[in-house]
Amino acid sequence: MPIYSYKCSNCGYTKDALQKYSDAPLTHCPNCGKETLVKQLSAPGFELRGKGWYATDFKGGSSAALPASHARDDSSGKKSS
């Protein structure tokens, strides 16, 4: 489930809420009691750590991981037989 950031346009109170995509946005500010809580636009953040699919399959861009059927015998683009 995504985490959404909210900010009250009246008092400046901020809150993060774990909600389903289908849940209605929060509007009630628990700090001032008014219906002025607004969902903020924010970029998602994540970090890839360790030796997982990214590190082994994509990070290096090595052609050694390609199957033999994708190997090329020269720069003309012909597949090796």
PDB file of N, CA and C in Angstrom:
ATOM      1  N   MET A   1       0.836  -1.181   0.000  1.00  0.00           N
ATOM      2  CA  MET A   1       0.000   0.000   0.000  1.00  0.00           C
ATOM      3  C   MET A   1       0.882   1.246   0.000  1.00  0.00           C
ATOM      4  N   PRO A   2       0.475   2.258  -0.724  1.00  0.00           N
ATOM      5  CA  PRO A   2       1.270   3.491  -0.786  1.00  0.00           C
ATOM      6  C   PRO A   2       1.127   4.343   0.470  1.00  0.00           C
ATOM      7  N   ILE A   3       2.133   5.155   0.696  1.00  0.00           N
ATOM      8  CA  ILE A   3       2.116   6.119   1.787  1.00  0.00           C
ATOM      9  C   ILE A   3       1.891   7.489   1.171  1.00  0.00           C
ATOM     10  N   TYR A   4       0.852   8.173   1.627  1.00  0.00           N
ATOM     11  CA  TYR A   4       0.519   9.496   1.112  1.00  0.00           C
ATOM     12  C   TYR A   4       0.871  10.557   2.144  1.00  0.00           C
ATOM     13  N   SER A   5       1.327  11.707   1.672  1.00  0.00           N
ATOM     14  CA  SER A   5       1.635  12.841   2.536  1.00  0.00           C
ATOM     15  C   SER A   5       0.501  13.840   2.463  1.00  0.00           C
ATOM     16  N   TYR A   6       0.122  14.357   3.619  1.00  0.00           N
ATOM     17  CA  TYR A   6      -0.949  15.349   3.716  1.00  0.00           C
ATOM     18  C   TYR A   6      -0.430  16.575   4.456  1.00  0.00           C
ATOM     19  N   LYS A   7      -1.003  17.724   4.125  1.00  0.00           N
ATOM     20  CA  LYS A   7      -0.660  18.970   4.807  1.00  0.00           C
ATOM     21  C   LYS A   7      -1.926  19.804   4.975  1.00  0.00           C
ATOM     22  N   CYS A   8      -2.078  20.375   6.153  1.00  0.00           N
ATOM     23  CA  CYS A   8      -3.232  21.228   6.427  1.00  0.00           C
ATOM     24  C   CYS A   8      -2.951  22.618   5.868  1.00  0.00           C
ATOM     25  N   SER A   9      -3.867  23.113   5.036  1.00  0.00           N
ATOM     26  CA  SER A   9      -3.679  24.440   4.455  1.00  0.00           C
ATOM     27  C   SER A   9      -4.019  25.553   5.445  1.00  0.00           C
ATOM     28  N   ASN A  10      -4.600  25.195   6.584  1.00  0.00           N
ATOM     29  CA  ASN A  10      -4.946  26.185   7.609  1.00  0.00           C
ATOM     30  C   ASN A  10      -3.813  26.372   8.630  1.00  0.00           C
ATOM     31  N   CYS A  11      -3.335  25.279   9.225  1.00  0.00           N
ATOM     32  CA  CYS A  11      -2.350  25.395  10.309  1.00  0.00           C
ATOM     33  C   CYS A  11      -0.956  24.882   9.942  1.00  0.00           C
ATOM     34  N   GLY A  12      -0.796  24.205   8.776  1.00  0.00           N
ATOM     35  CA  GLY A  12       0.510  23.713   8.346  1.00  0.00           C
ATOM     36  C   GLY A  12       0.876  22.344   8.883  1.00  0.00           C
ATOM     37  N   TYR A  13      -0.028  21.690   9.607  1.00  0.00           N
ATOM     38  CA  TYR A  13       0.205  20.347  10.151  1.00  0.00           C
ATOM     39  C   TYR A  13       0.475  19.373   9.004  1.00  0.00           C
ATOM     40  N   THR A  14       1.453  18.470   9.154  1.00  0.00           N
ATOM     41  CA  THR A  14       1.751  17.466   8.138  1.00  0.00           C
ATOM     42  C   THR A  14       1.553  16.075   8.707  1.00  0.00           C
ATOM     43  N   LYS A  15       1.181  15.156   7.825  1.00  0.00           N
ATOM     44  CA  LYS A  15       0.904  13.786   8.244  1.00  0.00           C
ATOM     45  C   LYS A  15       1.151  12.852   7.072  1.00  0.00           C
ATOM     46  N   ASP A  16       1.712  11.668   7.360  1.00  0.00           N
ATOM     47  CA  ASP A  16       1.849  10.604   6.376  1.00  0.00           C
ATOM     48  C   ASP A  16       0.833   9.528   6.720  1.00  0.00           C
ATOM     49  N   ALA A  17       0.159   9.008   5.713  1.00  0.00           N
ATOM     50  CA  ALA A  17      -0.874   7.999   5.948  1.00  0.00           C
ATOM     51  C   ALA A  17      -0.704   6.834   4.982  1.00  0.00           C
ATOM     52  N   LEU A  18      -0.750   5.623   5.524  1.00  0.00           N
ATOM     53  CA  LEU A  18      -0.698   4.404   4.729  1.00  0.00           C
ATOM     54  C   LEU A  18      -2.132   4.087   4.319  1.00  0.00           C
ATOM     55  N   GLN A  19      -2.406   4.198   3.013  1.00  0.00           N
ATOM     56  CA  GLN A  19      -3.773   4.012   2.518  1.00  0.00           C
ATOM     57  C   GLN A  19      -3.783   3.180   1.248  1.00  0.00           C
ATOM     58  N   LYS A  20      -4.925   2.540   1.017  1.00  0.00           N
ATOM     59  CA  LYS A  20      -5.136   1.859  -0.254  1.00  0.00           C
ATOM     60  C   LYS A  20      -5.347   2.924  -1.324  1.00  0.00           C
ATOM     61  N   TYR A  21      -5.082   2.562  -2.563  1.00  0.00           N
ATOM     62  CA  TYR A  21      -5.304   3.477  -3.677  1.00  0.00           C
ATOM     63  C   TYR A  21      -6.775   3.866  -3.775  1.00  0.00           C
ATOM     64  N   SER A  22      -7.644   2.942  -3.431  1.00  0.00           N
ATOM     65  CA  SER A  22      -9.085   3.180  -3.546  1.00  0.00           C
ATOM     66  C   SER A  22      -9.679   3.946  -2.360  1.00  0.00           C
ATOM     67  N   ASP A  23      -8.919   4.152  -1.284  1.00  0.00           N
ATOM     68  CA  ASP A  23      -9.420   4.897  -0.117  1.00  0.00           C
ATOM     69  C   ASP A  23      -9.634   6.364  -0.459  1.00  0.00           C
ATOM     70  N   ALA A  24     -10.650   6.946   0.159  1.00  0.00           N
ATOM     71  CA  ALA A  24     -10.920   8.377  -0.022  1.00  0.00           C
ATOM     72  C   ALA A  24      -9.816   9.193   0.652  1.00  0.00           C
ATOM     73  N   PRO A  25      -9.436  10.326   0.066  1.00  0.00           N
ATOM     74  CA  PRO A  25      -8.398  11.165   0.684  1.00  0.00           C
ATOM     75  C   PRO A  25      -8.865  11.705   2.039  1.00  0.00           C
ATOM     76  N   LEU A  26      -7.906  11.872   2.943  1.00  0.00           N
ATOM     77  CA  LEU A  26      -8.216  12.443   4.249  1.00  0.00           C
ATOM     78  C   LEU A  26      -8.445  13.947   4.096  1.00  0.00           C
ATOM     79  N   THR A  27      -9.373  14.491   4.862  1.00  0.00           N
ATOM     80  CA  THR A  27      -9.644  15.933   4.793  1.00  0.00           C
ATOM     81  C   THR A  27      -9.651  16.585   6.169  1.00  0.00           C
ATOM     82  N   HIS A  28      -9.904  15.813   7.230  1.00  0.00           N
ATOM     83  CA  HIS A  28     -10.012  16.360   8.589  1.00  0.00           C
ATOM     84  C   HIS A  28      -8.627  16.486   9.233  1.00  0.00           C
ATOM     85  N   CYS A  29      -8.269  17.701   9.640  1.00  0.00           N
ATOM     86  CA  CYS A  29      -6.987  17.949  10.298  1.00  0.00           C
ATOM     87  C   CYS A  29      -7.119  17.634  11.791  1.00  0.00           C
ATOM     88  N   PRO A  30      -6.311  16.695  12.321  1.00  0.00           N
ATOM     89  CA  PRO A  30      -6.400  16.373  13.744  1.00  0.00           C
ATOM     90  C   PRO A  30      -5.825  17.476  14.640  1.00  0.00           C
ATOM     91  N   ASN A  31      -5.070  18.399  14.060  1.00  0.00           N
ATOM     92  CA  ASN A  31      -4.449  19.479  14.837  1.00  0.00           C
ATOM     93  C   ASN A  31      -5.408  20.650  15.078  1.00  0.00           C
ATOM     94  N   CYS A  32      -6.013  21.162  14.013  1.00  0.00           N
ATOM     95  CA  CYS A  32      -6.895  22.333  14.164  1.00  0.00           C
ATOM     96  C   CYS A  32      -8.380  21.982  14.072  1.00  0.00           C
ATOM     97  N   GLY A  33      -8.701  20.746  13.617  1.00  0.00           N
ATOM     98  CA  GLY A  33     -10.087  20.314  13.565  1.00  0.00           C
ATOM     99  C   GLY A  33     -10.857  20.746  12.335  1.00  0.00           C
ATOM    100  N   LYS A  34     -10.233  21.419  11.398  1.00  0.00           N
ATOM    101  CA  LYS A  34     -10.925  21.890  10.190  1.00  0.00           C
ATOM    102  C   LYS A  34     -10.766  20.876   9.058  1.00  0.00           C
ATOM    103  N   GLU A  35     -11.589  21.013   8.047  1.00  0.00           N
ATOM    104  CA  GLU A  35     -11.558  20.131   6.869  1.00  0.00           C
ATOM    105  C   GLU A  35     -10.612  20.701   5.807  1.00  0.00           C
ATOM    106  N   THR A  36      -9.388  20.951   6.182  1.00  0.00           N
ATOM    107  CA  THR A  36      -8.441  21.611   5.274  1.00  0.00           C
ATOM    108  C   THR A  36      -7.193  20.772   5.007  1.00  0.00           C
ATOM    109  N   LEU A  37      -7.249  19.459   5.260  1.00  0.00           N
ATOM    110  CA  LEU A  37      -6.111  18.572   4.995  1.00  0.00           C
ATOM    111  C   LEU A  37      -6.090  18.255   3.504  1.00  0.00           C
ATOM    112  N   VAL A  38      -4.942  18.459   2.850  1.00  0.00           N
ATOM    113  CA  VAL A  38      -4.819  18.286   1.403  1.00  0.00           C
ATOM    114  C   VAL A  38      -3.679  17.308   1.106  1.00  0.00           C
ATOM    115  N   LYS A  39      -3.933  16.386   0.163  1.00  0.00           N
ATOM    116  CA  LYS A  39      -2.908  15.418  -0.246  1.00  0.00           C
ATOM    117  C   LYS A  39      -1.809  16.154  -1.016  1.00  0.00           C
ATOM    118  N   GLN A  40      -0.571  15.883  -0.663  1.00  0.00           N
ATOM    119  CA  GLN A  40       0.580  16.519  -1.300  1.00  0.00           C
ATOM    120  C   GLN A  40       1.099  15.658  -2.450  1.00  0.00           C
ATOM    121  N   LEU A  41       1.633  16.300  -3.456  1.00  0.00           N
ATOM    122  CA  LEU A  41       2.271  15.602  -4.557  1.00  0.00           C
ATOM    123  C   LEU A  41       3.715  15.325  -4.148  1.00  0.00           C
ATOM    124  N   SER A  42       4.103  14.065  -4.159  1.00  0.00           N
ATOM    125  CA  SER A  42       5.467  13.710  -3.766  1.00  0.00           C
ATOM    126  C   SER A  42       5.971  12.566  -4.630  1.00  0.00           C
ATOM    127  N   ALA A  43       7.259  12.503  -4.766  1.00  0.00           N
ATOM    128  CA  ALA A  43       7.889  11.448  -5.557  1.00  0.00           C
ATOM    129  C   ALA A  43       8.162  10.236  -4.674  1.00  0.00           C
ATOM    130  N   PRO A  44       7.930   9.040  -5.192  1.00  0.00           N
ATOM    131  CA  PRO A  44       8.236   7.855  -4.409  1.00  0.00           C
ATOM    132  C   PRO A  44       9.743   7.673  -4.305  1.00  0.00           C
ATOM    133  N   GLY A  45      10.181   7.125  -3.241  1.00  0.00           N
ATOM    134  CA  GLY A  45      11.605   6.870  -3.061  1.00  0.00           C
ATOM    135  C   GLY A  45      11.841   5.419  -2.715  1.00  0.00           C
ATOM    136  N   PHE A  46      12.895   4.838  -3.277  1.00  0.00           N
ATOM    137  CA  PHE A  46      13.257   3.474  -2.936  1.00  0.00           C
ATOM    138  C   PHE A  46      14.744   3.298  -3.173  1.00  0.00           C
ATOM    139  N   GLU A  47      15.293   2.284  -2.560  1.00  0.00           N
ATOM    140  CA  GLU A  47      16.714   2.011  -2.678  1.00  0.00           C
ATOM    141  C   GLU A  47      16.897   0.527  -2.917  1.00  0.00           C
ATOM    142  N   LEU A  48      17.742   0.173  -3.867  1.00  0.00           N
ATOM    143  CA  LEU A  48      18.034  -1.224  -4.157  1.00  0.00           C
ATOM    144  C   LEU A  48      19.343  -1.580  -3.475  1.00  0.00           C
ATOM    145  N   ARG A  49      19.303  -2.575  -2.593  1.00  0.00           N
ATOM    146  CA  ARG A  49      20.492  -2.980  -1.843  1.00  0.00           C
ATOM    147  C   ARG A  49      20.784  -4.449  -2.073  1.00  0.00           C
ATOM    148  N   GLY A  50      22.018  -4.813  -1.818  1.00  0.00           N
ATOM    149  CA  GLY A  50      22.389  -6.219  -1.842  1.00  0.00           C
ATOM    150  C   GLY A  50      22.552  -6.776  -3.240  1.00  0.00           C
ATOM    151  N   LYS A  51      22.545  -8.105  -3.301  1.00  0.00           N
ATOM    152  CA  LYS A  51      22.715  -8.805  -4.574  1.00  0.00           C
ATOM    153  C   LYS A  51      21.376  -9.400  -4.969  1.00  0.00           C
ATOM    154  N   GLY A  52      20.601  -8.636  -5.666  1.00  0.00           N
ATOM    155  CA  GLY A  52      19.296  -9.098  -6.128  1.00  0.00           C
ATOM    156  C   GLY A  52      19.237  -9.054  -7.631  1.00  0.00           C
ATOM    157  N   TRP A  53      18.036  -9.081  -8.158  1.00  0.00           N
ATOM    158  CA  TRP A  53      17.861  -9.104  -9.613  1.00  0.00           C
ATOM    159  C   TRP A  53      18.471  -7.889 -10.282  1.00  0.00           C
ATOM    160  N   TYR A  54      18.420  -6.716  -9.641  1.00  0.00           N
ATOM    161  CA  TYR A  54      18.979  -5.515 -10.254  1.00  0.00           C
ATOM    162  C   TYR A  54      20.498  -5.625 -10.384  1.00  0.00           C
ATOM    163  N   ALA A  55      21.169  -6.001  -9.315  1.00  0.00           N
ATOM    164  CA  ALA A  55      22.626  -6.069  -9.308  1.00  0.00           C
ATOM    165  C   ALA A  55      23.139  -7.160 -10.245  1.00  0.00           C
ATOM    166  N   THR A  56      22.426  -8.280 -10.328  1.00  0.00           N
ATOM    167  CA  THR A  56      22.913  -9.385 -11.140  1.00  0.00           C
ATOM    168  C   THR A  56      22.481  -9.313 -12.600  1.00  0.00           C
ATOM    169  N   ASP A  57      21.322  -8.721 -12.873  1.00  0.00           N
ATOM    170  CA  ASP A  57      20.793  -8.744 -14.236  1.00  0.00           C
ATOM    171  C   ASP A  57      20.876  -7.428 -15.001  1.00  0.00           C
ATOM    172  N   PHE A  58      20.864  -6.294 -14.310  1.00  0.00           N
ATOM    173  CA  PHE A  58      20.753  -5.027 -15.018  1.00  0.00           C
ATOM    174  C   PHE A  58      21.871  -4.025 -14.750  1.00  0.00           C
ATOM    175  N   LYS A  59      22.383  -3.967 -13.556  1.00  0.00           N
ATOM    176  CA  LYS A  59      23.286  -2.908 -13.145  1.00  0.00           C
ATOM    177  C   LYS A  59      24.517  -2.781 -14.034  1.00  0.00           C
ATOM    178  N   GLY A  60      25.189  -3.881 -14.316  1.00  0.00           N
ATOM    179  CA  GLY A  60      26.435  -3.836 -15.070  1.00  0.00           C
ATOM    180  C   GLY A  60      26.251  -3.734 -16.573  1.00  0.00           C
ATOM    181  N   GLY A  61      25.105  -4.162 -17.066  1.00  0.00           N
ATOM    182  CA  GLY A  61      24.869  -4.131 -18.498  1.00  0.00           C
ATOM    183  C   GLY A  61      25.721  -5.130 -19.255  1.00  0.00           C
ATOM    184  N   SER A  62      26.200  -6.161 -18.583  1.00  0.00           N
ATOM    185  CA  SER A  62      27.086  -7.151 -19.195  1.00  0.00           C
ATOM    186  C   SER A  62      26.318  -8.011 -20.191  1.00  0.00           C
ATOM    187  N   SER A  63      26.926  -8.260 -21.322  1.00  0.00           N
ATOM    188  CA  SER A  63      26.307  -9.130 -22.314  1.00  0.00           C
ATOM    189  C   SER A  63      26.583 -10.590 -22.006  1.00  0.00           C
ATOM    190  N   ALA A  64      27.411 -10.878 -20.996  1.00  0.00           N
ATOM    191  CA  ALA A  64      27.713 -12.250 -20.624  1.00  0.00           C
ATOM    192  C   ALA A  64      26.470 -12.963 -20.106  1.00  0.00           C
ATOM    193  N   ALA A  65      25.525 -12.227 -19.589  1.00  0.00           N
ATOM    194  CA  ALA A  65      24.309 -12.826 -19.047  1.00  0.00           C
ATOM    195  C   ALA A  65      23.286 -13.149 -20.130  1.00  0.00           C
ATOM    196  N   LEU A  66      23.533 -12.743 -21.377  1.00  0.00           N
ATOM    197  CA  LEU A  66      22.603 -13.016 -22.465  1.00  0.00           C
ATOM    198  C   LEU A  66      22.673 -14.474 -22.886  1.00  0.00           C
ATOM    199  N   PRO A  67      21.552 -15.069 -23.277  1.00  0.00           N
ATOM    200  CA  PRO A  67      21.568 -16.437 -23.786  1.00  0.00           C
ATOM    201  C   PRO A  67      22.368 -16.508 -25.086  1.00  0.00           C
ATOM    202  N   ALA A  68      22.845 -17.694 -25.406  1.00  0.00           N
ATOM    203  CA  ALA A  68      23.674 -17.896 -26.601  1.00  0.00           C
ATOM    204  C   ALA A  68      22.934 -17.487 -27.876  1.00  0.00           C
ATOM    205  N   SER A  69      21.629 -17.603 -27.900  1.00  0.00           N
ATOM    206  CA  SER A  69      20.853 -17.248 -29.090  1.00  0.00           C
ATOM    207  C   SER A  69      20.892 -15.746 -29.370  1.00  0.00           C
ATOM    208  N   HIS A  70      21.281 -14.941 -28.379  1.00  0.00           N
ATOM    209  CA  HIS A  70      21.370 -13.500 -28.563  1.00  0.00           C
ATOM    210  C   HIS A  70      22.791 -13.029 -28.846  1.00  0.00           C
ATOM    211  N   ALA A  71      23.752 -13.923 -28.802  1.00  0.00           N
ATOM    212  CA  ALA A  71      25.148 -13.541 -29.030  1.00  0.00           C
ATOM    213  C   ALA A  71      25.344 -13.193 -30.501  1.00  0.00           C
ATOM    214  N   ARG A  72      26.234 -12.273 -30.788  1.00  0.00           N
ATOM    215  CA  ARG A  72      26.507 -11.833 -32.158  1.00  0.00           C
ATOM    216  C   ARG A  72      27.933 -12.232 -32.533  1.00  0.00           C
ATOM    217  N   ASP A  73      28.097 -12.685 -33.781  1.00  0.00           N
ATOM    218  CA  ASP A  73      29.419 -13.116 -34.200  1.00  0.00           C
ATOM    219  C   ASP A  73      30.243 -11.971 -34.785  1.00  0.00           C
ATOM    220  N   ASP A  74      29.611 -10.875 -35.216  1.00  0.00           N
ATOM    221  CA  ASP A  74      30.340  -9.718 -35.710  1.00  0.00           C
ATOM    222  C   ASP A  74      29.487  -8.453 -35.552  1.00  0.00           C
ATOM    223  N   SER A  75      29.986  -7.344 -36.003  1.00  0.00           N
ATOM    224  CA  SER A  75      29.271  -6.073 -35.829  1.00  0.00           C
ATOM    225  C   SER A  75      28.187  -5.860 -36.858  1.00  0.00           C
ATOM    226  N   SER A  76      27.993  -6.777 -37.803  1.00  0.00           N
ATOM    227  CA  SER A  76      26.991  -6.604 -38.844  1.00  0.00           C
ATOM    228  C   SER A  76      25.583  -6.926 -38.359  1.00  0.00           C
ATOM    229  N   GLY A  77      25.455  -7.519 -37.159  1.00  0.00           N
ATOM    230  CA  GLY A  77      24.138  -7.792 -36.619  1.00  0.00           C
ATOM    231  C   GLY A  77      23.643  -9.205 -36.891  1.00  0.00           C
ATOM    232  N   LYS A  78      24.488 -10.053 -37.521  1.00  0.00           N
ATOM    233  CA  LYS A  78      24.080 -11.425 -37.785  1.00  0.00           C
ATOM    234  C   LYS A  78      24.203 -12.244 -36.511  1.00  0.00           C
ATOM    235  N   LYS A  79      23.234 -13.137 -36.303  1.00  0.00           N
ATOM    236  CA  LYS A  79      23.295 -14.021 -35.157  1.00  0.00           C
ATOM    237  C   LYS A  79      24.306 -15.133 -35.430  1.00  0.00           C
ATOM    238  N   SER A  80      24.958 -15.591 -34.366  1.00  0.00           N
ATOM    239  CA  SER A  80      25.918 -16.687 -34.529  1.00  0.00           C
ATOM    240  C   SER A  80      25.181 -17.989 -34.727  1.00  0.00           C
ATOM    241  N   SER A  81      25.789 -18.919 -35.465  1.00  0.00           N
ATOM    242  CA  SER A  81      25.136 -20.191 -35.770  1.00  0.00           C
ATOM    243  C   SER A  81      25.653 -21.292 -34.893  1.00  0.00           C
TER     244      SER A  81
END
